[in-house]
Amino acid sequence: MRPINAVLVLLLFLWTFREFNTPFVLFGPTPPESADLLTVHIYNSSFITWNFGLGSAMSVLLMLFLILVAGLWALWNRRVNRDA
């Protein structure tokens, strides 16, 4: 069960960063500070204020961060499985 749980934790971590629909439907394009997720902020920067450069830069940095997290998880998972 440990390998399955490890993959599920990684997927849930990655999926939390793509959550956009729930806060946008509940609060509209300008959510309160407690519900201001990064994806809503990227949307506001790109399509509300028409600053596509900032929105695309934030999207690329988010993607690189998630790739880094997935890569570190893969290295950790390989090391754990090798030692077992």
PDB file of N, CA and C in Angstrom:
ATOM      1  N   MET A   1       0.806  -1.202   0.000  1.00  0.00           N
ATOM      2  CA  MET A   1       0.000   0.000   0.000  1.00  0.00           C
ATOM      3  C   MET A   1       0.852   1.270   0.000  1.00  0.00           C
ATOM      4  N   ARG A   2       2.081   1.206   0.470  1.00  0.00           N
ATOM      5  CA  ARG A   2       2.910   2.399   0.550  1.00  0.00           C
ATOM      6  C   ARG A   2       3.191   3.023  -0.822  1.00  0.00           C
ATOM      7  N   PRO A   3       3.518   2.248  -1.875  1.00  0.00           N
ATOM      8  CA  PRO A   3       3.741   2.889  -3.180  1.00  0.00           C
ATOM      9  C   PRO A   3       2.486   3.565  -3.730  1.00  0.00           C
ATOM     10  N   ILE A   4       1.337   2.946  -3.519  1.00  0.00           N
ATOM     11  CA  ILE A   4       0.096   3.539  -4.010  1.00  0.00           C
ATOM     12  C   ILE A   4      -0.202   4.836  -3.265  1.00  0.00           C
ATOM     13  N   ASN A   5      -0.020   4.832  -1.965  1.00  0.00           N
ATOM     14  CA  ASN A   5      -0.249   6.044  -1.179  1.00  0.00           C
ATOM     15  C   ASN A   5       0.729   7.150  -1.543  1.00  0.00           C
ATOM     16  N   ALA A   6       1.962   6.786  -1.841  1.00  0.00           N
ATOM     17  CA  ALA A   6       2.954   7.797  -2.228  1.00  0.00           C
ATOM     18  C   ALA A   6       2.564   8.462  -3.543  1.00  0.00           C
ATOM     19  N   VAL A   7       2.105   7.681  -4.499  1.00  0.00           N
ATOM     20  CA  VAL A   7       1.665   8.252  -5.773  1.00  0.00           C
ATOM     21  C   VAL A   7       0.434   9.127  -5.569  1.00  0.00           C
ATOM     22  N   LEU A   8      -0.475   8.685  -4.731  1.00  0.00           N
ATOM     23  CA  LEU A   8      -1.674   9.478  -4.471  1.00  0.00           C
ATOM     24  C   LEU A   8      -1.345  10.806  -3.793  1.00  0.00           C
ATOM     25  N   VAL A   9      -0.405  10.808  -2.892  1.00  0.00           N
ATOM     26  CA  VAL A   9      -0.006  12.057  -2.245  1.00  0.00           C
ATOM     27  C   VAL A   9       0.588  13.015  -3.269  1.00  0.00           C
ATOM     28  N   LEU A  10       1.426  12.515  -4.156  1.00  0.00           N
ATOM     29  CA  LEU A  10       1.998  13.359  -5.207  1.00  0.00           C
ATOM     30  C   LEU A  10       0.904  13.916  -6.109  1.00  0.00           C
ATOM     31  N   LEU A  11      -0.016  13.081  -6.547  1.00  0.00           N
ATOM     32  CA  LEU A  11      -1.082  13.544  -7.440  1.00  0.00           C
ATOM     33  C   LEU A  11      -1.983  14.560  -6.753  1.00  0.00           C
ATOM     34  N   LEU A  12      -2.327  14.329  -5.503  1.00  0.00           N
ATOM     35  CA  LEU A  12      -3.155  15.299  -4.791  1.00  0.00           C
ATOM     36  C   LEU A  12      -2.429  16.631  -4.612  1.00  0.00           C
ATOM     37  N   PHE A  13      -1.140  16.579  -4.359  1.00  0.00           N
ATOM     38  CA  PHE A  13      -0.357  17.806  -4.251  1.00  0.00           C
ATOM     39  C   PHE A  13      -0.361  18.569  -5.567  1.00  0.00           C
ATOM     40  N   LEU A  14      -0.148  17.862  -6.675  1.00  0.00           N
ATOM     41  CA  LEU A  14      -0.129  18.511  -7.979  1.00  0.00           C
ATOM     42  C   LEU A  14      -1.509  19.037  -8.362  1.00  0.00           C
ATOM     43  N   TRP A  15      -2.559  18.295  -8.040  1.00  0.00           N
ATOM     44  CA  TRP A  15      -3.911  18.710  -8.413  1.00  0.00           C
ATOM     45  C   TRP A  15      -4.394  19.909  -7.621  1.00  0.00           C
ATOM     46  N   THR A  16      -3.856  20.139  -6.433  1.00  0.00           N
ATOM     47  CA  THR A  16      -4.287  21.311  -5.678  1.00  0.00           C
ATOM     48  C   THR A  16      -3.840  22.604  -6.353  1.00  0.00           C
ATOM     49  N   PHE A  17      -2.793  22.553  -7.130  1.00  0.00           N
ATOM     50  CA  PHE A  17      -2.311  23.748  -7.808  1.00  0.00           C
ATOM     51  C   PHE A  17      -3.068  24.052  -9.089  1.00  0.00           C
ATOM     52  N   ARG A  18      -3.898  23.145  -9.557  1.00  0.00           N
ATOM     53  CA  ARG A  18      -4.669  23.439 -10.753  1.00  0.00           C
ATOM     54  C   ARG A  18      -6.116  23.773 -10.431  1.00  0.00           C
ATOM     55  N   GLU A  19      -6.442  23.906  -9.164  1.00  0.00           N
ATOM     56  CA  GLU A  19      -7.802  24.228  -8.748  1.00  0.00           C
ATOM     57  C   GLU A  19      -8.117  25.676  -9.124  1.00  0.00           C
ATOM     58  N   PHE A  20      -9.072  25.849 -10.010  1.00  0.00           N
ATOM     59  CA  PHE A  20      -9.476  27.176 -10.460  1.00  0.00           C
ATOM     60  C   PHE A  20     -10.987  27.348 -10.422  1.00  0.00           C
ATOM     61  N   ASN A  21     -11.722  26.323 -10.774  1.00  0.00           N
ATOM     62  CA  ASN A  21     -13.166  26.440 -10.944  1.00  0.00           C
ATOM     63  C   ASN A  21     -13.900  26.787  -9.663  1.00  0.00           C
ATOM     64  N   THR A  22     -13.594  26.122  -8.572  1.00  0.00           N
ATOM     65  CA  THR A  22     -14.361  26.325  -7.339  1.00  0.00           C
ATOM     66  C   THR A  22     -14.279  27.762  -6.824  1.00  0.00           C
ATOM     67  N   PRO A  23     -13.086  28.347  -6.631  1.00  0.00           N
ATOM     68  CA  PRO A  23     -13.070  29.731  -6.148  1.00  0.00           C
ATOM     69  C   PRO A  23     -13.617  30.720  -7.177  1.00  0.00           C
ATOM     70  N   PHE A  24     -13.424  30.436  -8.459  1.00  0.00           N
ATOM     71  CA  PHE A  24     -13.910  31.365  -9.478  1.00  0.00           C
ATOM     72  C   PHE A  24     -15.433  31.364  -9.533  1.00  0.00           C
ATOM     73  N   VAL A  25     -16.041  30.193  -9.421  1.00  0.00           N
ATOM     74  CA  VAL A  25     -17.502  30.123  -9.436  1.00  0.00           C
ATOM     75  C   VAL A  25     -18.084  30.715  -8.160  1.00  0.00           C
ATOM     76  N   LEU A  26     -17.448  30.465  -7.022  1.00  0.00           N
ATOM     77  CA  LEU A  26     -17.971  30.969  -5.761  1.00  0.00           C
ATOM     78  C   LEU A  26     -17.819  32.479  -5.602  1.00  0.00           C
ATOM     79  N   PHE A  27     -16.682  33.029  -6.007  1.00  0.00           N
ATOM     80  CA  PHE A  27     -16.380  34.428  -5.697  1.00  0.00           C
ATOM     81  C   PHE A  27     -16.268  35.326  -6.912  1.00  0.00           C
ATOM     82  N   GLY A  28     -16.226  34.797  -8.113  1.00  0.00           N
ATOM     83  CA  GLY A  28     -16.051  35.624  -9.295  1.00  0.00           C
ATOM     84  C   GLY A  28     -14.580  35.902  -9.553  1.00  0.00           C
ATOM     85  N   PRO A  29     -14.298  36.842 -10.446  1.00  0.00           N
ATOM     86  CA  PRO A  29     -12.891  37.085 -10.803  1.00  0.00           C
ATOM     87  C   PRO A  29     -12.073  37.766  -9.719  1.00  0.00           C
ATOM     88  N   THR A  30     -12.715  38.350  -8.703  1.00  0.00           N
ATOM     89  CA  THR A  30     -11.964  38.992  -7.614  1.00  0.00           C
ATOM     90  C   THR A  30     -12.331  38.347  -6.284  1.00  0.00           C
ATOM     91  N   PRO A  31     -11.665  37.249  -5.936  1.00  0.00           N
ATOM     92  CA  PRO A  31     -11.977  36.564  -4.675  1.00  0.00           C
ATOM     93  C   PRO A  31     -11.413  37.333  -3.479  1.00  0.00           C
ATOM     94  N   PRO A  32     -11.911  37.042  -2.288  1.00  0.00           N
ATOM     95  CA  PRO A  32     -11.297  37.645  -1.095  1.00  0.00           C
ATOM     96  C   PRO A  32      -9.888  37.099  -0.899  1.00  0.00           C
ATOM     97  N   GLU A  33      -9.134  37.748  -0.048  1.00  0.00           N
ATOM     98  CA  GLU A  33      -7.731  37.359   0.141  1.00  0.00           C
ATOM     99  C   GLU A  33      -7.581  35.929   0.625  1.00  0.00           C
ATOM    100  N   SER A  34      -8.532  35.431   1.389  1.00  0.00           N
ATOM    101  CA  SER A  34      -8.426  34.070   1.904  1.00  0.00           C
ATOM    102  C   SER A  34      -8.631  33.022   0.818  1.00  0.00           C
ATOM    103  N   ALA A  35      -9.238  33.393  -0.303  1.00  0.00           N
ATOM    104  CA  ALA A  35      -9.488  32.441  -1.384  1.00  0.00           C
ATOM    105  C   ALA A  35      -8.697  32.778  -2.633  1.00  0.00           C
ATOM    106  N   ASP A  36      -7.700  33.636  -2.524  1.00  0.00           N
ATOM    107  CA  ASP A  36      -6.919  34.044  -3.686  1.00  0.00           C
ATOM    108  C   ASP A  36      -5.847  33.000  -3.979  1.00  0.00           C
ATOM    109  N   LEU A  37      -6.203  32.046  -4.809  1.00  0.00           N
ATOM    110  CA  LEU A  37      -5.259  31.006  -5.204  1.00  0.00           C
ATOM    111  C   LEU A  37      -4.365  31.508  -6.319  1.00  0.00           C
ATOM    112  N   LEU A  38      -3.290  30.816  -6.545  1.00  0.00           N
ATOM    113  CA  LEU A  38      -2.345  31.219  -7.572  1.00  0.00           C
ATOM    114  C   LEU A  38      -2.974  31.156  -8.959  1.00  0.00           C
ATOM    115  N   THR A  39      -3.796  30.163  -9.220  1.00  0.00           N
ATOM    116  CA  THR A  39      -4.413  30.051 -10.539  1.00  0.00           C
ATOM    117  C   THR A  39      -5.398  31.187 -10.798  1.00  0.00           C
ATOM    118  N   VAL A  40      -6.128  31.611  -9.778  1.00  0.00           N
ATOM    119  CA  VAL A  40      -7.035  32.753  -9.939  1.00  0.00           C
ATOM    120  C   VAL A  40      -6.228  34.029 -10.143  1.00  0.00           C
ATOM    121  N   HIS A  41      -5.118  34.145  -9.453  1.00  0.00           N
ATOM    122  CA  HIS A  41      -4.241  35.310  -9.624  1.00  0.00           C
ATOM    123  C   HIS A  41      -3.662  35.342 -11.042  1.00  0.00           C
ATOM    124  N   ILE A  42      -3.282  34.198 -11.580  1.00  0.00           N
ATOM    125  CA  ILE A  42      -2.797  34.128 -12.956  1.00  0.00           C
ATOM    126  C   ILE A  42      -3.896  34.540 -13.926  1.00  0.00           C
ATOM    127  N   TYR A  43      -5.119  34.079 -13.677  1.00  0.00           N
ATOM    128  CA  TYR A  43      -6.250  34.464 -14.524  1.00  0.00           C
ATOM    129  C   TYR A  43      -6.484  35.973 -14.465  1.00  0.00           C
ATOM    130  N   ASN A  44      -6.469  36.545 -13.269  1.00  0.00           N
ATOM    131  CA  ASN A  44      -6.672  37.991 -13.137  1.00  0.00           C
ATOM    132  C   ASN A  44      -5.593  38.775 -13.857  1.00  0.00           C
ATOM    133  N   SER A  45      -4.344  38.328 -13.728  1.00  0.00           N
ATOM    134  CA  SER A  45      -3.249  39.039 -14.381  1.00  0.00           C
ATOM    135  C   SER A  45      -3.341  38.946 -15.897  1.00  0.00           C
ATOM    136  N   SER A  46      -3.795  37.811 -16.387  1.00  0.00           N
ATOM    137  CA  SER A  46      -3.825  37.611 -17.824  1.00  0.00           C
ATOM    138  C   SER A  46      -5.066  38.207 -18.484  1.00  0.00           C
ATOM    139  N   PHE A  47      -6.231  37.939 -17.933  1.00  0.00           N
ATOM    140  CA  PHE A  47      -7.459  38.245 -18.661  1.00  0.00           C
ATOM    141  C   PHE A  47      -8.262  39.411 -18.097  1.00  0.00           C
ATOM    142  N   ILE A  48      -8.022  39.811 -16.880  1.00  0.00           N
ATOM    143  CA  ILE A  48      -8.731  40.960 -16.321  1.00  0.00           C
ATOM    144  C   ILE A  48      -7.924  42.232 -16.552  1.00  0.00           C
ATOM    145  N   THR A  49      -6.630  42.200 -16.229  1.00  0.00           N
ATOM    146  CA  THR A  49      -5.785  43.377 -16.418  1.00  0.00           C
ATOM    147  C   THR A  49      -5.037  43.353 -17.743  1.00  0.00           C
ATOM    148  N   TRP A  50      -5.234  42.333 -18.543  1.00  0.00           N
ATOM    149  CA  TRP A  50      -4.623  42.176 -19.878  1.00  0.00           C
ATOM    150  C   TRP A  50      -3.106  42.230 -19.843  1.00  0.00           C
ATOM    151  N   ASN A  51      -2.519  41.672 -18.807  1.00  0.00           N
ATOM    152  CA  ASN A  51      -1.064  41.598 -18.697  1.00  0.00           C
ATOM    153  C   ASN A  51      -0.656  40.149 -18.966  1.00  0.00           C
ATOM    154  N   PHE A  52      -0.633  39.798 -20.249  1.00  0.00           N
ATOM    155  CA  PHE A  52      -0.369  38.409 -20.632  1.00  0.00           C
ATOM    156  C   PHE A  52       1.058  37.977 -20.320  1.00  0.00           C
ATOM    157  N   GLY A  53       1.987  38.901 -20.340  1.00  0.00           N
ATOM    158  CA  GLY A  53       3.373  38.565 -20.025  1.00  0.00           C
ATOM    159  C   GLY A  53       3.535  38.090 -18.594  1.00  0.00           C
ATOM    160  N   LEU A  54       2.929  38.817 -17.668  1.00  0.00           N
ATOM    161  CA  LEU A  54       3.011  38.428 -16.256  1.00  0.00           C
ATOM    162  C   LEU A  54       2.272  37.119 -16.010  1.00  0.00           C
ATOM    163  N   GLY A  55       1.104  36.969 -16.618  1.00  0.00           N
ATOM    164  CA  GLY A  55       0.341  35.725 -16.458  1.00  0.00           C
ATOM    165  C   GLY A  55       1.076  34.524 -17.006  1.00  0.00           C
ATOM    166  N   SER A  56       1.693  34.683 -18.179  1.00  0.00           N
ATOM    167  CA  SER A  56       2.428  33.542 -18.743  1.00  0.00           C
ATOM    168  C   SER A  56       3.700  33.261 -17.955  1.00  0.00           C
ATOM    169  N   ALA A  57       4.345  34.287 -17.436  1.00  0.00           N
ATOM    170  CA  ALA A  57       5.540  34.061 -16.613  1.00  0.00           C
ATOM    171  C   ALA A  57       5.180  33.325 -15.330  1.00  0.00           C
ATOM    172  N   MET A  58       4.073  33.715 -14.693  1.00  0.00           N
ATOM    173  CA  MET A  58       3.650  33.011 -13.483  1.00  0.00           C
ATOM    174  C   MET A  58       3.259  31.569 -13.799  1.00  0.00           C
ATOM    175  N   SER A  59       2.635  31.343 -14.957  1.00  0.00           N
ATOM    176  CA  SER A  59       2.265  29.978 -15.346  1.00  0.00           C
ATOM    177  C   SER A  59       3.493  29.115 -15.569  1.00  0.00           C
ATOM    178  N   VAL A  60       4.498  29.673 -16.218  1.00  0.00           N
ATOM    179  CA  VAL A  60       5.724  28.910 -16.470  1.00  0.00           C
ATOM    180  C   VAL A  60       6.449  28.611 -15.163  1.00  0.00           C
ATOM    181  N   LEU A  61       6.512  29.589 -14.265  1.00  0.00           N
ATOM    182  CA  LEU A  61       7.160  29.347 -12.973  1.00  0.00           C
ATOM    183  C   LEU A  61       6.403  28.311 -12.151  1.00  0.00           C
ATOM    184  N   LEU A  62       5.084  28.338 -12.207  1.00  0.00           N
ATOM    185  CA  LEU A  62       4.296  27.322 -11.523  1.00  0.00           C
ATOM    186  C   LEU A  62       4.576  25.944 -12.102  1.00  0.00           C
ATOM    187  N   MET A  63       4.642  25.863 -13.437  1.00  0.00           N
ATOM    188  CA  MET A  63       4.936  24.582 -14.080  1.00  0.00           C
ATOM    189  C   MET A  63       6.329  24.079 -13.687  1.00  0.00           C
ATOM    190  N   LEU A  64       7.316  24.959 -13.684  1.00  0.00           N
ATOM    191  CA  LEU A  64       8.673  24.549 -13.305  1.00  0.00           C
ATOM    192  C   LEU A  64       8.729  24.097 -11.852  1.00  0.00           C
ATOM    193  N   PHE A  65       7.996  24.782 -10.968  1.00  0.00           N
ATOM    194  CA  PHE A  65       7.944  24.367  -9.573  1.00  0.00           C
ATOM    195  C   PHE A  65       7.340  22.978  -9.439  1.00  0.00           C
ATOM    196  N   LEU A  66       6.253  22.723 -10.159  1.00  0.00           N
ATOM    197  CA  LEU A  66       5.606  21.415 -10.066  1.00  0.00           C
ATOM    198  C   LEU A  66       6.470  20.316 -10.681  1.00  0.00           C
ATOM    199  N   ILE A  67       7.191  20.630 -11.745  1.00  0.00           N
ATOM    200  CA  ILE A  67       8.122  19.657 -12.323  1.00  0.00           C
ATOM    201  C   ILE A  67       9.245  19.358 -11.331  1.00  0.00           C
ATOM    202  N   LEU A  68       9.742  20.391 -10.648  1.00  0.00           N
ATOM    203  CA  LEU A  68      10.787  20.195  -9.645  1.00  0.00           C
ATOM    204  C   LEU A  68      10.295  19.316  -8.501  1.00  0.00           C
ATOM    205  N   VAL A  69       9.089  19.561  -8.033  1.00  0.00           N
ATOM    206  CA  VAL A  69       8.531  18.748  -6.948  1.00  0.00           C
ATOM    207  C   VAL A  69       8.369  17.302  -7.406  1.00  0.00           C
ATOM    208  N   ALA A  70       7.841  17.092  -8.614  1.00  0.00           N
ATOM    209  CA  ALA A  70       7.663  15.728  -9.121  1.00  0.00           C
ATOM    210  C   ALA A  70       9.009  15.035  -9.317  1.00  0.00           C
ATOM    211  N   GLY A  71      10.018  15.770  -9.768  1.00  0.00           N
ATOM    212  CA  GLY A  71      11.345  15.186  -9.933  1.00  0.00           C
ATOM    213  C   GLY A  71      11.981  14.798  -8.610  1.00  0.00           C
ATOM    214  N   LEU A  72      11.852  15.676  -7.619  1.00  0.00           N
ATOM    215  CA  LEU A  72      12.379  15.341  -6.296  1.00  0.00           C
ATOM    216  C   LEU A  72      11.648  14.149  -5.701  1.00  0.00           C
ATOM    217  N   TRP A  73      10.341  14.088  -5.911  1.00  0.00           N
ATOM    218  CA  TRP A  73       9.571  12.936  -5.430  1.00  0.00           C
ATOM    219  C   TRP A  73      10.044  11.657  -6.116  1.00  0.00           C
ATOM    220  N   ALA A  74      10.322  11.720  -7.428  1.00  0.00           N
ATOM    221  CA  ALA A  74      10.786  10.538  -8.155  1.00  0.00           C
ATOM    222  C   ALA A  74      12.144  10.074  -7.639  1.00  0.00           C
ATOM    223  N   LEU A  75      13.049  11.028  -7.366  1.00  0.00           N
ATOM    224  CA  LEU A  75      14.357  10.654  -6.807  1.00  0.00           C
ATOM    225  C   LEU A  75      14.202  10.025  -5.424  1.00  0.00           C
ATOM    226  N   TRP A  76      13.369  10.624  -4.588  1.00  0.00           N
ATOM    227  CA  TRP A  76      13.135  10.068  -3.261  1.00  0.00           C
ATOM    228  C   TRP A  76      12.507   8.686  -3.350  1.00  0.00           C
ATOM    229  N   ASN A  77      11.552   8.520  -4.245  1.00  0.00           N
ATOM    230  CA  ASN A  77      10.870   7.244  -4.397  1.00  0.00           C
ATOM    231  C   ASN A  77      11.834   6.158  -4.910  1.00  0.00           C
ATOM    232  N   ARG A  78      12.719   6.518  -5.802  1.00  0.00           N
ATOM    233  CA  ARG A  78      13.703   5.573  -6.312  1.00  0.00           C
ATOM    234  C   ARG A  78      14.646   5.138  -5.201  1.00  0.00           C
ATOM    235  N   ARG A  79      15.071   6.099  -4.375  1.00  0.00           N
ATOM    236  CA  ARG A  79      15.993   5.774  -3.284  1.00  0.00           C
ATOM    237  C   ARG A  79      15.326   4.888  -2.240  1.00  0.00           C
ATOM    238  N   VAL A  80      14.056   5.169  -1.915  1.00  0.00           N
ATOM    239  CA  VAL A  80      13.330   4.377  -0.939  1.00  0.00           C
ATOM    240  C   VAL A  80      13.127   2.956  -1.470  1.00  0.00           C
ATOM    241  N   ASN A  81      12.768   2.816  -2.717  1.00  0.00           N
ATOM    242  CA  ASN A  81      12.536   1.498  -3.294  1.00  0.00           C
ATOM    243  C   ASN A  81      13.836   0.700  -3.450  1.00  0.00           C
ATOM    244  N   ARG A  82      14.938   1.388  -3.696  1.00  0.00           N
ATOM    245  CA  ARG A  82      16.222   0.704  -3.820  1.00  0.00           C
ATOM    246  C   ARG A  82      16.684   0.164  -2.473  1.00  0.00           C
ATOM    247  N   ASP A  83      16.435   0.937  -1.400  1.00  0.00           N
ATOM    248  CA  ASP A  83      16.866   0.502  -0.069  1.00  0.00           C
ATOM    249  C   ASP A  83      15.963  -0.597   0.502  1.00  0.00           C
ATOM    250  N   ALA A  84      14.765  -0.714   0.003  1.00  0.00           N
ATOM    251  CA  ALA A  84      13.821  -1.688   0.579  1.00  0.00           C
ATOM    252  C   ALA A  84      14.115  -3.101   0.161  1.00  0.00           C
TER     253      ALA A  84
END
